[in-house]
Amino acid sequence: MVDKKLDTIKKATETVDSYAIFANGGKQYQAIVGKTLGLEKIVGEPGDKISFDEVLLRKNGDTVEIGTPHVKGASIKASIVKHDKEAKVIIFHFKRRKKSRVKKGHRQPLTVVRIEAI
């Protein structure tokens, strides 16, 4: 399963000239110019420009830079497209023979950003 995912990532990135891997909100994302990503909520209005400095890997042509832990001097420029919410997650607690049922729902806020430059 993991090998299959790695193969699809390799195929997708072979056609792209430059891309980067960056960290935001405790998660890692792949940045390709023009790609839109759903990240954890970022403060700002749609249309605002933001930058990510925690770049873990950067590929430009044939050169690949791997950070320890971050690539020095690398940043990713992006713009906020919109603020939205993720799909609803249902939390259901049930205790048998106790007449105890609790059903809750949660929608995590997210920000959709478009990568403009690496």
N, C-alpha and C. Protein backbone atom coordinates (compact mmCIF):
# COMPACT_ATOMS: atom_id res chain seq x y z
N MET A 1 0.83 -1.20 0.00
CA MET A 1 0.00 0.00 0.00
C MET A 1 0.87 1.26 0.00
N VAL A 2 1.88 1.27 0.88
CA VAL A 2 2.76 2.43 0.96
C VAL A 2 3.57 2.57 -0.32
N ASP A 3 4.04 1.44 -0.87
CA ASP A 3 4.80 1.48 -2.12
C ASP A 3 3.97 2.03 -3.26
N LYS A 4 2.69 1.70 -3.28
CA LYS A 4 1.79 2.19 -4.33
C LYS A 4 1.65 3.71 -4.23
N LYS A 5 1.51 4.23 -3.00
CA LYS A 5 1.42 5.68 -2.81
C LYS A 5 2.70 6.37 -3.24
N LEU A 6 3.85 5.79 -2.87
CA LEU A 6 5.13 6.39 -3.25
C LEU A 6 5.29 6.42 -4.76
N ASP A 7 4.85 5.37 -5.45
CA ASP A 7 4.95 5.34 -6.90
C ASP A 7 4.10 6.43 -7.54
N THR A 8 2.88 6.64 -7.01
CA THR A 8 2.04 7.69 -7.58
C THR A 8 2.62 9.08 -7.32
N ILE A 9 3.24 9.27 -6.15
CA ILE A 9 3.87 10.55 -5.84
C ILE A 9 5.06 10.77 -6.76
N LYS A 10 5.85 9.74 -7.00
CA LYS A 10 7.01 9.85 -7.90
C LYS A 10 6.56 10.22 -9.31
N LYS A 11 5.52 9.57 -9.81
CA LYS A 11 5.02 9.85 -11.15
C LYS A 11 4.52 11.29 -11.25
N ALA A 12 3.82 11.74 -10.22
CA ALA A 12 3.27 13.10 -10.24
C ALA A 12 4.37 14.14 -10.18
N THR A 13 5.45 13.86 -9.42
CA THR A 13 6.50 14.85 -9.26
C THR A 13 7.54 14.80 -10.36
N GLU A 14 7.60 13.72 -11.14
CA GLU A 14 8.56 13.65 -12.24
C GLU A 14 8.21 14.66 -13.33
N THR A 15 6.94 14.90 -13.54
CA THR A 15 6.52 15.83 -14.59
C THR A 15 6.64 17.28 -14.16
N VAL A 16 6.72 17.52 -12.85
CA VAL A 16 6.81 18.88 -12.32
C VAL A 16 8.27 19.27 -12.20
N ASP A 17 8.59 20.49 -12.62
CA ASP A 17 9.98 20.95 -12.60
C ASP A 17 10.46 21.29 -11.19
N SER A 18 9.59 21.90 -10.39
CA SER A 18 10.00 22.25 -9.03
C SER A 18 8.83 22.04 -8.06
N TYR A 19 9.17 21.54 -6.89
CA TYR A 19 8.19 21.38 -5.84
C TYR A 19 8.91 21.41 -4.50
N ALA A 20 8.12 21.46 -3.42
CA ALA A 20 8.70 21.52 -2.08
C ALA A 20 7.76 20.81 -1.11
N ILE A 21 8.33 20.37 0.00
CA ILE A 21 7.57 19.82 1.11
C ILE A 21 7.73 20.79 2.27
N PHE A 22 6.61 21.23 2.86
CA PHE A 22 6.68 22.17 3.98
C PHE A 22 5.78 21.71 5.11
N ALA A 23 6.05 22.23 6.31
CA ALA A 23 5.28 21.88 7.50
C ALA A 23 4.43 23.07 7.93
N ASN A 24 3.20 22.76 8.33
CA ASN A 24 2.30 23.79 8.85
C ASN A 24 1.28 23.10 9.75
N GLY A 25 1.14 23.58 10.97
CA GLY A 25 0.15 23.03 11.89
C GLY A 25 0.42 21.59 12.28
N GLY A 26 1.69 21.18 12.32
CA GLY A 26 2.02 19.82 12.72
C GLY A 26 1.86 18.79 11.62
N LYS A 27 1.57 19.23 10.40
CA LYS A 27 1.41 18.32 9.27
C LYS A 27 2.33 18.75 8.14
N GLN A 28 2.57 17.85 7.21
CA GLN A 28 3.44 18.15 6.07
C GLN A 28 2.61 18.16 4.79
N TYR A 29 2.93 19.11 3.91
CA TYR A 29 2.19 19.28 2.67
C TYR A 29 3.17 19.40 1.51
N GLN A 30 2.70 19.01 0.32
CA GLN A 30 3.50 19.14 -0.89
C GLN A 30 3.06 20.40 -1.61
N ALA A 31 4.03 21.24 -1.95
CA ALA A 31 3.73 22.50 -2.63
C ALA A 31 4.19 22.43 -4.07
N ILE A 32 3.26 22.63 -4.99
CA ILE A 32 3.54 22.75 -6.41
C ILE A 32 2.89 24.05 -6.85
N VAL A 33 3.58 24.82 -7.67
CA VAL A 33 3.06 26.12 -8.08
C VAL A 33 1.72 25.93 -8.79
N GLY A 34 0.70 26.68 -8.31
CA GLY A 34 -0.64 26.61 -8.88
C GLY A 34 -1.57 25.65 -8.15
N LYS A 35 -1.05 24.82 -7.26
CA LYS A 35 -1.85 23.85 -6.53
C LYS A 35 -2.57 24.52 -5.36
N THR A 36 -3.81 24.08 -5.07
CA THR A 36 -4.54 24.59 -3.92
C THR A 36 -4.52 23.53 -2.83
N LEU A 37 -4.36 23.99 -1.59
CA LEU A 37 -4.27 23.10 -0.43
C LEU A 37 -5.24 23.55 0.65
N GLY A 38 -5.76 22.60 1.41
CA GLY A 38 -6.57 22.91 2.58
C GLY A 38 -5.72 22.74 3.83
N LEU A 39 -5.38 23.84 4.49
CA LEU A 39 -4.54 23.83 5.68
C LEU A 39 -5.37 24.14 6.91
N GLU A 40 -4.77 23.93 8.09
CA GLU A 40 -5.46 24.34 9.30
C GLU A 40 -5.65 25.85 9.27
N LYS A 41 -6.61 26.33 10.03
CA LYS A 41 -7.01 27.74 9.95
C LYS A 41 -5.84 28.70 10.11
N ILE A 42 -5.75 29.64 9.18
CA ILE A 42 -4.72 30.69 9.18
C ILE A 42 -5.44 32.02 9.27
N VAL A 43 -4.94 32.91 10.10
CA VAL A 43 -5.55 34.22 10.26
C VAL A 43 -5.27 35.05 9.02
N GLY A 44 -6.31 35.64 8.45
CA GLY A 44 -6.16 36.49 7.28
C GLY A 44 -7.44 36.49 6.47
N GLU A 45 -7.50 37.41 5.53
CA GLU A 45 -8.66 37.54 4.65
C GLU A 45 -8.35 36.91 3.29
N PRO A 46 -9.38 36.47 2.56
CA PRO A 46 -9.13 35.96 1.21
C PRO A 46 -8.44 37.02 0.35
N GLY A 47 -7.40 36.60 -0.34
CA GLY A 47 -6.61 37.52 -1.16
C GLY A 47 -5.31 37.93 -0.49
N ASP A 48 -5.18 37.73 0.82
CA ASP A 48 -3.94 38.07 1.52
C ASP A 48 -2.81 37.14 1.10
N LYS A 49 -1.60 37.68 1.08
CA LYS A 49 -0.40 36.90 0.76
C LYS A 49 0.23 36.40 2.06
N ILE A 50 0.64 35.13 2.07
CA ILE A 50 1.32 34.55 3.23
C ILE A 50 2.55 33.80 2.75
N SER A 51 3.46 33.53 3.68
CA SER A 51 4.64 32.74 3.32
C SER A 51 4.88 31.68 4.39
N PHE A 52 5.42 30.55 3.96
CA PHE A 52 5.76 29.44 4.85
C PHE A 52 7.27 29.29 4.82
N ASP A 53 7.90 29.36 6.00
CA ASP A 53 9.36 29.29 6.09
C ASP A 53 9.88 27.92 6.51
N GLU A 54 9.01 27.05 6.98
CA GLU A 54 9.44 25.72 7.44
C GLU A 54 9.46 24.74 6.26
N VAL A 55 10.38 24.97 5.31
CA VAL A 55 10.51 24.12 4.13
C VAL A 55 11.43 22.96 4.48
N LEU A 56 10.95 21.74 4.32
CA LEU A 56 11.71 20.55 4.68
C LEU A 56 12.51 19.99 3.51
N LEU A 57 11.97 20.14 2.29
CA LEU A 57 12.62 19.63 1.09
C LEU A 57 12.27 20.54 -0.07
N ARG A 58 13.25 20.79 -0.94
CA ARG A 58 12.98 21.62 -2.11
C ARG A 58 13.66 21.00 -3.32
N LYS A 59 12.90 20.83 -4.41
CA LYS A 59 13.44 20.31 -5.65
C LYS A 59 13.29 21.39 -6.70
N ASN A 60 14.39 21.71 -7.37
CA ASN A 60 14.38 22.70 -8.43
C ASN A 60 15.18 22.13 -9.59
N GLY A 61 14.47 21.65 -10.61
CA GLY A 61 15.16 21.00 -11.72
C GLY A 61 15.73 19.67 -11.28
N ASP A 62 17.04 19.51 -11.40
CA ASP A 62 17.70 18.27 -10.99
C ASP A 62 18.27 18.34 -9.58
N THR A 63 18.30 19.53 -8.97
CA THR A 63 18.88 19.66 -7.63
C THR A 63 17.80 19.46 -6.57
N VAL A 64 18.16 18.70 -5.56
CA VAL A 64 17.26 18.44 -4.45
C VAL A 64 17.97 18.87 -3.18
N GLU A 65 17.32 19.75 -2.40
CA GLU A 65 17.88 20.20 -1.11
C GLU A 65 17.02 19.61 0.01
N ILE A 66 17.68 18.96 0.95
CA ILE A 66 17.00 18.39 2.10
C ILE A 66 17.46 19.14 3.33
N GLY A 67 16.52 19.65 4.10
CA GLY A 67 16.85 20.45 5.28
C GLY A 67 17.15 19.60 6.49
N THR A 68 17.87 20.21 7.42
CA THR A 68 18.18 19.54 8.69
C THR A 68 17.85 20.47 9.85
N PRO A 69 16.67 20.69 10.28
CA PRO A 69 15.42 20.16 9.77
C PRO A 69 14.79 21.00 8.66
N HIS A 70 15.22 22.26 8.49
CA HIS A 70 14.64 23.12 7.47
C HIS A 70 15.70 23.56 6.47
N VAL A 71 15.28 23.82 5.23
CA VAL A 71 16.18 24.33 4.21
C VAL A 71 16.40 25.81 4.48
N LYS A 72 17.65 26.22 4.60
CA LYS A 72 17.96 27.62 4.92
C LYS A 72 17.66 28.52 3.72
N GLY A 73 16.98 29.63 3.99
CA GLY A 73 16.70 30.61 2.96
C GLY A 73 15.55 30.25 2.04
N ALA A 74 14.88 29.15 2.28
CA ALA A 74 13.77 28.73 1.43
C ALA A 74 12.44 29.17 2.03
N SER A 75 11.55 29.63 1.19
CA SER A 75 10.20 29.97 1.64
C SER A 75 9.22 29.73 0.50
N ILE A 76 7.98 29.57 0.86
CA ILE A 76 6.92 29.33 -0.11
C ILE A 76 5.92 30.46 0.00
N LYS A 77 5.63 31.10 -1.11
CA LYS A 77 4.65 32.19 -1.15
C LYS A 77 3.31 31.64 -1.59
N ALA A 78 2.25 32.05 -0.89
CA ALA A 78 0.90 31.58 -1.20
C ALA A 78 -0.10 32.70 -0.95
N SER A 79 -1.30 32.52 -1.45
CA SER A 79 -2.37 33.48 -1.20
C SER A 79 -3.59 32.71 -0.68
N ILE A 80 -4.32 33.36 0.21
CA ILE A 80 -5.52 32.74 0.80
C ILE A 80 -6.66 32.83 -0.21
N VAL A 81 -7.29 31.68 -0.49
CA VAL A 81 -8.41 31.64 -1.41
C VAL A 81 -9.72 31.83 -0.66
N LYS A 82 -9.92 31.01 0.41
CA LYS A 82 -11.16 31.13 1.18
C LYS A 82 -10.99 30.41 2.52
N HIS A 83 -11.93 30.68 3.41
CA HIS A 83 -12.02 29.96 4.69
C HIS A 83 -13.23 29.04 4.59
N ASP A 84 -13.07 27.83 5.10
CA ASP A 84 -14.12 26.82 4.97
C ASP A 84 -14.08 25.90 6.19
N LYS A 85 -14.89 24.86 6.17
CA LYS A 85 -14.87 23.84 7.22
C LYS A 85 -14.70 22.48 6.55
N GLU A 86 -14.02 21.57 7.27
CA GLU A 86 -13.84 20.21 6.77
C GLU A 86 -15.14 19.43 6.90
N ALA A 87 -15.12 18.20 6.42
CA ALA A 87 -16.29 17.34 6.54
C ALA A 87 -16.58 17.05 8.01
N LYS A 88 -17.84 16.81 8.32
CA LYS A 88 -18.24 16.59 9.70
C LYS A 88 -17.74 15.24 10.20
N VAL A 89 -17.23 15.25 11.43
CA VAL A 89 -16.81 14.04 12.11
C VAL A 89 -17.83 13.78 13.21
N ILE A 90 -18.39 12.58 13.24
CA ILE A 90 -19.39 12.21 14.23
C ILE A 90 -18.70 11.49 15.39
N ILE A 91 -18.95 11.95 16.60
CA ILE A 91 -18.44 11.31 17.81
C ILE A 91 -19.64 10.70 18.53
N PHE A 92 -19.62 9.39 18.72
CA PHE A 92 -20.75 8.70 19.34
C PHE A 92 -20.25 7.86 20.50
N HIS A 93 -20.69 8.17 21.70
CA HIS A 93 -20.34 7.41 22.90
C HIS A 93 -21.57 6.60 23.31
N PHE A 94 -21.35 5.32 23.59
CA PHE A 94 -22.45 4.44 23.95
C PHE A 94 -21.99 3.50 25.04
N LYS A 95 -22.77 3.41 26.10
CA LYS A 95 -22.49 2.46 27.18
C LYS A 95 -23.69 1.53 27.29
N ARG A 96 -23.44 0.27 27.06
CA ARG A 96 -24.55 -0.68 27.07
C ARG A 96 -25.11 -0.86 28.48
N ARG A 97 -26.40 -1.11 28.53
CA ARG A 97 -27.14 -1.35 29.77
C ARG A 97 -27.14 -0.17 30.73
N LYS A 98 -26.70 1.00 30.31
CA LYS A 98 -26.65 2.16 31.20
C LYS A 98 -27.55 3.30 30.71
N LYS A 99 -28.22 3.11 29.58
CA LYS A 99 -29.04 4.16 28.96
C LYS A 99 -28.21 5.43 28.73
N SER A 100 -27.00 5.22 28.27
CA SER A 100 -26.10 6.36 28.04
C SER A 100 -25.71 6.41 26.57
N ARG A 101 -26.13 7.48 25.91
CA ARG A 101 -25.77 7.72 24.51
C ARG A 101 -25.46 9.20 24.35
N VAL A 102 -24.35 9.49 23.72
CA VAL A 102 -24.00 10.88 23.44
C VAL A 102 -23.54 10.95 21.99
N LYS A 103 -24.19 11.79 21.21
CA LYS A 103 -23.81 11.96 19.82
C LYS A 103 -23.42 13.42 19.61
N LYS A 104 -22.20 13.62 19.13
CA LYS A 104 -21.69 14.97 18.87
C LYS A 104 -21.10 15.02 17.47
N GLY A 105 -21.10 16.19 16.90
CA GLY A 105 -20.48 16.39 15.60
C GLY A 105 -19.48 17.52 15.69
N HIS A 106 -18.47 17.47 14.82
CA HIS A 106 -17.43 18.51 14.82
C HIS A 106 -16.98 18.77 13.40
N ARG A 107 -16.83 20.04 13.06
CA ARG A 107 -16.28 20.43 11.76
C ARG A 107 -15.09 21.34 12.01
N GLN A 108 -13.91 20.88 11.62
CA GLN A 108 -12.67 21.62 11.84
C GLN A 108 -12.57 22.76 10.82
N PRO A 109 -12.28 23.99 11.28
CA PRO A 109 -12.10 25.08 10.32
C PRO A 109 -10.80 24.90 9.54
N LEU A 110 -10.83 25.28 8.26
CA LEU A 110 -9.64 25.20 7.44
C LEU A 110 -9.54 26.41 6.53
N THR A 111 -8.36 26.63 6.01
CA THR A 111 -8.11 27.71 5.07
C THR A 111 -7.59 27.11 3.78
N VAL A 112 -8.19 27.49 2.66
CA VAL A 112 -7.73 27.03 1.36
C VAL A 112 -6.76 28.06 0.81
N VAL A 113 -5.54 27.60 0.47
CA VAL A 113 -4.51 28.49 -0.07
C VAL A 113 -4.06 28.00 -1.42
N ARG A 114 -3.60 28.94 -2.26
CA ARG A 114 -3.05 28.62 -3.58
C ARG A 114 -1.55 28.94 -3.55
N ILE A 115 -0.72 27.99 -3.92
CA ILE A 115 0.73 28.18 -3.95
C ILE A 115 1.08 29.02 -5.18
N GLU A 116 1.84 30.10 -4.95
CA GLU A 116 2.20 31.01 -6.05
C GLU A 116 3.66 30.94 -6.43
N ALA A 117 4.55 30.71 -5.46
CA ALA A 117 5.98 30.66 -5.78
C ALA A 117 6.69 29.81 -4.73
N ILE A 118 7.79 29.16 -5.19
CA ILE A 118 8.61 28.37 -4.28
C ILE A 118 10.00 28.99 -4.27
